[in-house]
């Protein structure tokens, strides 16, 4: 995973932090089953964003993973995979 980050020039990574993207008009249009998984101690994307997305997509299921950061799938792969498997099986 680190290799991908190193291959992106630093000015591009810096630009990603300064951009402002809003999907407020798009999210309510999504009707497919949705699982939002987020690390509770994510230092890149504020976990409060999860509540904004849930408000826009009331049908979405939320999985806020304790003690995980931006790469929750990496920090706690077993829990992530278990929750993802359960979500997929429910479809």
N, C-alpha and C. Protein backbone atom coordinates (compact mmCIF):
# COMPACT_ATOMS: atom_id res chain seq x y z
N UNK A 1 0.83 -1.19 0.00
CA UNK A 1 0.00 0.00 0.00
C UNK A 1 0.87 1.24 0.00
N UNK A 2 1.97 1.22 0.71
CA UNK A 2 2.87 2.36 0.75
C UNK A 2 3.41 2.66 -0.64
N UNK A 3 3.65 1.62 -1.43
CA UNK A 3 4.18 1.79 -2.78
C UNK A 3 3.30 2.68 -3.64
N UNK A 4 1.98 2.53 -3.52
CA UNK A 4 1.07 3.36 -4.30
C UNK A 4 1.20 4.83 -3.89
N UNK A 5 1.33 5.09 -2.61
CA UNK A 5 1.45 6.46 -2.13
C UNK A 5 2.74 7.10 -2.59
N UNK A 6 3.81 6.34 -2.63
CA UNK A 6 5.10 6.87 -3.04
C UNK A 6 5.11 7.17 -4.53
N UNK A 7 4.34 6.41 -5.32
CA UNK A 7 4.33 6.62 -6.77
C UNK A 7 3.56 7.87 -7.18
N UNK A 8 2.78 8.43 -6.28
CA UNK A 8 2.04 9.66 -6.57
C UNK A 8 2.90 10.85 -6.13
N UNK A 9 3.14 11.80 -7.03
CA UNK A 9 3.98 12.96 -6.67
C UNK A 9 3.41 13.70 -5.46
N UNK A 10 4.31 14.25 -4.65
CA UNK A 10 3.88 14.92 -3.42
C UNK A 10 2.94 16.08 -3.69
N UNK A 11 3.12 16.82 -4.80
CA UNK A 11 2.22 17.95 -5.09
C UNK A 11 0.80 17.47 -5.38
N UNK A 12 0.67 16.25 -5.91
CA UNK A 12 -0.67 15.70 -6.16
C UNK A 12 -1.32 15.33 -4.84
N UNK A 13 -0.56 14.65 -3.96
CA UNK A 13 -1.11 14.29 -2.65
C UNK A 13 -1.51 15.54 -1.88
N UNK A 14 -0.71 16.58 -1.93
CA UNK A 14 -1.03 17.83 -1.24
C UNK A 14 -2.30 18.45 -1.82
N UNK A 15 -2.44 18.39 -3.13
CA UNK A 15 -3.64 18.92 -3.78
C UNK A 15 -4.90 18.21 -3.36
N UNK A 16 -4.80 16.91 -3.08
CA UNK A 16 -5.97 16.16 -2.64
C UNK A 16 -6.50 16.68 -1.31
N UNK A 17 -5.60 17.16 -0.44
CA UNK A 17 -6.03 17.68 0.85
C UNK A 17 -6.67 19.06 0.74
N UNK A 18 -6.39 19.78 -0.32
CA UNK A 18 -6.92 21.14 -0.45
C UNK A 18 -8.19 21.20 -1.30
N UNK A 19 -8.61 20.09 -1.84
CA UNK A 19 -9.81 20.11 -2.69
C UNK A 19 -11.08 20.05 -1.84
N UNK A 20 -12.14 20.50 -2.43
CA UNK A 20 -13.44 20.48 -1.76
C UNK A 20 -14.44 19.82 -2.70
N UNK A 21 -14.94 18.68 -2.30
CA UNK A 21 -15.89 17.94 -3.12
C UNK A 21 -17.16 17.72 -2.31
N UNK A 22 -18.27 18.00 -2.92
CA UNK A 22 -19.56 17.79 -2.27
C UNK A 22 -20.41 16.91 -3.17
N UNK A 23 -20.94 15.86 -2.60
CA UNK A 23 -21.82 14.95 -3.33
C UNK A 23 -23.24 15.01 -2.79
N UNK A 24 -23.57 16.11 -2.15
CA UNK A 24 -24.87 16.21 -1.49
C UNK A 24 -26.03 15.99 -2.45
N UNK A 25 -25.87 16.36 -3.71
CA UNK A 25 -26.95 16.18 -4.69
C UNK A 25 -26.98 14.77 -5.25
N UNK A 26 -25.85 14.07 -5.23
CA UNK A 26 -25.77 12.74 -5.81
C UNK A 26 -26.16 11.63 -4.83
N UNK A 27 -25.73 11.72 -3.60
CA UNK A 27 -25.94 10.64 -2.63
C UNK A 27 -27.40 10.23 -2.46
N UNK A 28 -28.34 11.16 -2.36
CA UNK A 28 -29.74 10.74 -2.18
C UNK A 28 -30.30 9.96 -3.37
N UNK A 29 -29.64 10.03 -4.50
CA UNK A 29 -30.11 9.32 -5.70
C UNK A 29 -29.67 7.86 -5.72
N UNK A 30 -28.75 7.49 -4.87
CA UNK A 30 -28.26 6.12 -4.83
C UNK A 30 -29.30 5.24 -4.13
N UNK A 31 -29.78 4.24 -4.82
CA UNK A 31 -30.82 3.37 -4.28
C UNK A 31 -30.33 1.95 -4.03
N UNK A 32 -29.13 1.65 -4.42
CA UNK A 32 -28.57 0.31 -4.23
C UNK A 32 -28.22 0.10 -2.76
N UNK A 33 -28.15 -1.15 -2.34
CA UNK A 33 -27.70 -1.42 -0.96
C UNK A 33 -26.32 -0.80 -0.73
N UNK A 34 -26.12 -0.27 0.43
CA UNK A 34 -24.89 0.48 0.70
C UNK A 34 -24.36 0.11 2.08
N UNK A 35 -23.07 -0.16 2.13
CA UNK A 35 -22.38 -0.37 3.40
C UNK A 35 -21.28 0.68 3.48
N UNK A 36 -21.33 1.51 4.49
CA UNK A 36 -20.30 2.53 4.71
C UNK A 36 -19.44 2.05 5.86
N UNK A 37 -18.19 1.75 5.56
CA UNK A 37 -17.24 1.30 6.56
C UNK A 37 -16.21 2.40 6.76
N UNK A 38 -15.96 2.73 8.03
CA UNK A 38 -15.07 3.86 8.31
C UNK A 38 -14.32 3.60 9.61
N UNK A 39 -13.06 3.97 9.61
CA UNK A 39 -12.26 3.85 10.83
C UNK A 39 -12.59 4.96 11.81
N UNK A 40 -12.82 4.60 13.05
CA UNK A 40 -13.22 5.58 14.07
C UNK A 40 -12.12 6.58 14.40
N UNK A 41 -10.87 6.22 14.15
CA UNK A 41 -9.76 7.14 14.43
C UNK A 41 -9.05 7.54 13.14
N UNK A 42 -9.82 7.68 12.08
CA UNK A 42 -9.29 8.10 10.78
C UNK A 42 -8.78 9.53 10.89
N UNK A 43 -7.50 9.73 10.58
CA UNK A 43 -6.89 11.07 10.64
C UNK A 43 -6.94 11.77 9.28
N UNK A 44 -7.43 11.10 8.25
CA UNK A 44 -7.49 11.67 6.90
C UNK A 44 -8.90 12.20 6.62
N UNK A 45 -9.90 11.34 6.82
CA UNK A 45 -11.30 11.71 6.59
C UNK A 45 -12.01 11.70 7.93
N UNK A 46 -12.55 12.83 8.31
CA UNK A 46 -13.23 12.97 9.59
C UNK A 46 -14.40 11.99 9.69
N UNK A 47 -14.44 11.19 10.75
CA UNK A 47 -15.55 10.24 10.91
C UNK A 47 -16.94 10.90 10.92
N UNK A 48 -17.03 12.19 11.16
CA UNK A 48 -18.32 12.88 11.12
C UNK A 48 -18.94 12.81 9.72
N UNK A 49 -18.13 12.60 8.71
CA UNK A 49 -18.64 12.48 7.34
C UNK A 49 -19.59 11.30 7.22
N UNK A 50 -19.36 10.26 8.00
CA UNK A 50 -20.23 9.08 7.97
C UNK A 50 -21.67 9.48 8.28
N UNK A 51 -21.86 10.32 9.25
CA UNK A 51 -23.22 10.75 9.63
C UNK A 51 -23.85 11.60 8.54
N UNK A 52 -23.06 12.39 7.84
CA UNK A 52 -23.58 13.17 6.71
C UNK A 52 -24.04 12.23 5.59
N UNK A 53 -23.24 11.22 5.31
CA UNK A 53 -23.61 10.27 4.27
C UNK A 53 -24.84 9.47 4.66
N UNK A 54 -24.93 9.08 5.92
CA UNK A 54 -26.10 8.34 6.40
C UNK A 54 -27.36 9.20 6.29
N UNK A 55 -27.24 10.47 6.57
CA UNK A 55 -28.40 11.36 6.45
C UNK A 55 -28.86 11.45 5.00
N UNK A 56 -27.93 11.41 4.07
CA UNK A 56 -28.27 11.50 2.65
C UNK A 56 -28.77 10.17 2.10
N UNK A 57 -28.36 9.07 2.75
CA UNK A 57 -28.75 7.73 2.29
C UNK A 57 -29.24 6.92 3.49
N UNK A 58 -30.47 7.17 3.91
CA UNK A 58 -30.99 6.50 5.12
C UNK A 58 -30.96 4.98 5.05
N UNK A 59 -30.97 4.42 3.85
CA UNK A 59 -30.94 2.96 3.70
C UNK A 59 -29.54 2.37 3.91
N UNK A 60 -28.53 3.20 3.97
CA UNK A 60 -27.15 2.71 4.11
C UNK A 60 -26.93 2.09 5.49
N UNK A 61 -26.13 1.04 5.50
CA UNK A 61 -25.70 0.44 6.75
C UNK A 61 -24.34 1.04 7.11
N UNK A 62 -24.14 1.30 8.37
CA UNK A 62 -22.90 1.92 8.85
C UNK A 62 -22.08 0.91 9.63
N UNK A 63 -20.80 0.89 9.36
CA UNK A 63 -19.86 0.07 10.12
C UNK A 63 -18.70 0.97 10.51
N UNK A 64 -18.78 1.55 11.70
CA UNK A 64 -17.73 2.40 12.24
C UNK A 64 -16.81 1.50 13.06
N UNK A 65 -15.59 1.31 12.58
CA UNK A 65 -14.68 0.34 13.19
C UNK A 65 -13.82 1.01 14.25
N UNK A 66 -13.93 0.57 15.49
CA UNK A 66 -13.12 1.15 16.57
C UNK A 66 -11.64 0.83 16.38
N UNK A 67 -10.79 1.71 16.86
CA UNK A 67 -9.34 1.50 16.85
C UNK A 67 -8.75 1.29 15.46
N UNK A 68 -9.40 1.82 14.43
CA UNK A 68 -8.86 1.73 13.08
C UNK A 68 -8.81 3.12 12.48
N UNK A 69 -7.86 3.29 11.58
CA UNK A 69 -7.68 4.58 10.94
C UNK A 69 -8.23 4.61 9.54
N UNK A 70 -7.54 5.32 8.66
CA UNK A 70 -8.00 5.54 7.29
C UNK A 70 -8.07 4.23 6.49
N UNK A 71 -7.21 3.29 6.80
CA UNK A 71 -7.20 2.01 6.11
C UNK A 71 -7.77 0.94 7.04
N UNK A 72 -9.02 1.09 7.39
CA UNK A 72 -9.66 0.16 8.33
C UNK A 72 -9.57 -1.28 7.85
N UNK A 73 -9.66 -1.47 6.54
CA UNK A 73 -9.55 -2.81 5.96
C UNK A 73 -8.18 -3.42 6.21
N UNK A 74 -7.20 -2.59 6.46
CA UNK A 74 -5.83 -3.04 6.71
C UNK A 74 -5.59 -3.16 8.22
N UNK A 75 -6.08 -2.16 8.97
CA UNK A 75 -5.86 -2.13 10.42
C UNK A 75 -6.52 -3.31 11.13
N UNK A 76 -7.68 -3.71 10.68
CA UNK A 76 -8.41 -4.82 11.29
C UNK A 76 -9.10 -5.61 10.18
N UNK A 77 -8.29 -6.30 9.39
CA UNK A 77 -8.79 -7.01 8.22
C UNK A 77 -9.84 -8.06 8.58
N UNK A 78 -9.66 -8.75 9.68
CA UNK A 78 -10.60 -9.81 10.07
C UNK A 78 -12.00 -9.23 10.31
N UNK A 79 -12.08 -8.16 11.07
CA UNK A 79 -13.38 -7.55 11.37
C UNK A 79 -13.99 -6.95 10.10
N UNK A 80 -13.16 -6.29 9.30
CA UNK A 80 -13.64 -5.71 8.06
C UNK A 80 -14.23 -6.79 7.15
N UNK A 81 -13.48 -7.86 6.96
CA UNK A 81 -13.94 -8.94 6.07
C UNK A 81 -15.18 -9.63 6.60
N UNK A 82 -15.26 -9.80 7.91
CA UNK A 82 -16.44 -10.42 8.51
C UNK A 82 -17.68 -9.58 8.25
N UNK A 83 -17.57 -8.28 8.46
CA UNK A 83 -18.72 -7.39 8.25
C UNK A 83 -19.10 -7.31 6.78
N UNK A 84 -18.10 -7.26 5.91
CA UNK A 84 -18.36 -7.22 4.47
C UNK A 84 -19.02 -8.51 4.01
N UNK A 85 -18.55 -9.64 4.51
CA UNK A 85 -19.16 -10.93 4.16
C UNK A 85 -20.62 -10.96 4.59
N UNK A 86 -20.90 -10.51 5.81
CA UNK A 86 -22.28 -10.48 6.28
C UNK A 86 -23.17 -9.58 5.43
N UNK A 87 -22.63 -8.45 5.04
CA UNK A 87 -23.39 -7.53 4.18
C UNK A 87 -23.69 -8.18 2.85
N UNK A 88 -22.68 -8.80 2.23
CA UNK A 88 -22.88 -9.44 0.94
C UNK A 88 -23.88 -10.58 1.03
N UNK A 89 -23.81 -11.36 2.09
CA UNK A 89 -24.74 -12.48 2.26
C UNK A 89 -26.17 -12.01 2.47
N UNK A 90 -26.33 -10.79 2.98
CA UNK A 90 -27.67 -10.26 3.23
C UNK A 90 -28.35 -9.77 1.96
N UNK A 91 -27.61 -9.66 0.88
CA UNK A 91 -28.18 -9.11 -0.36
C UNK A 91 -28.98 -10.14 -1.13
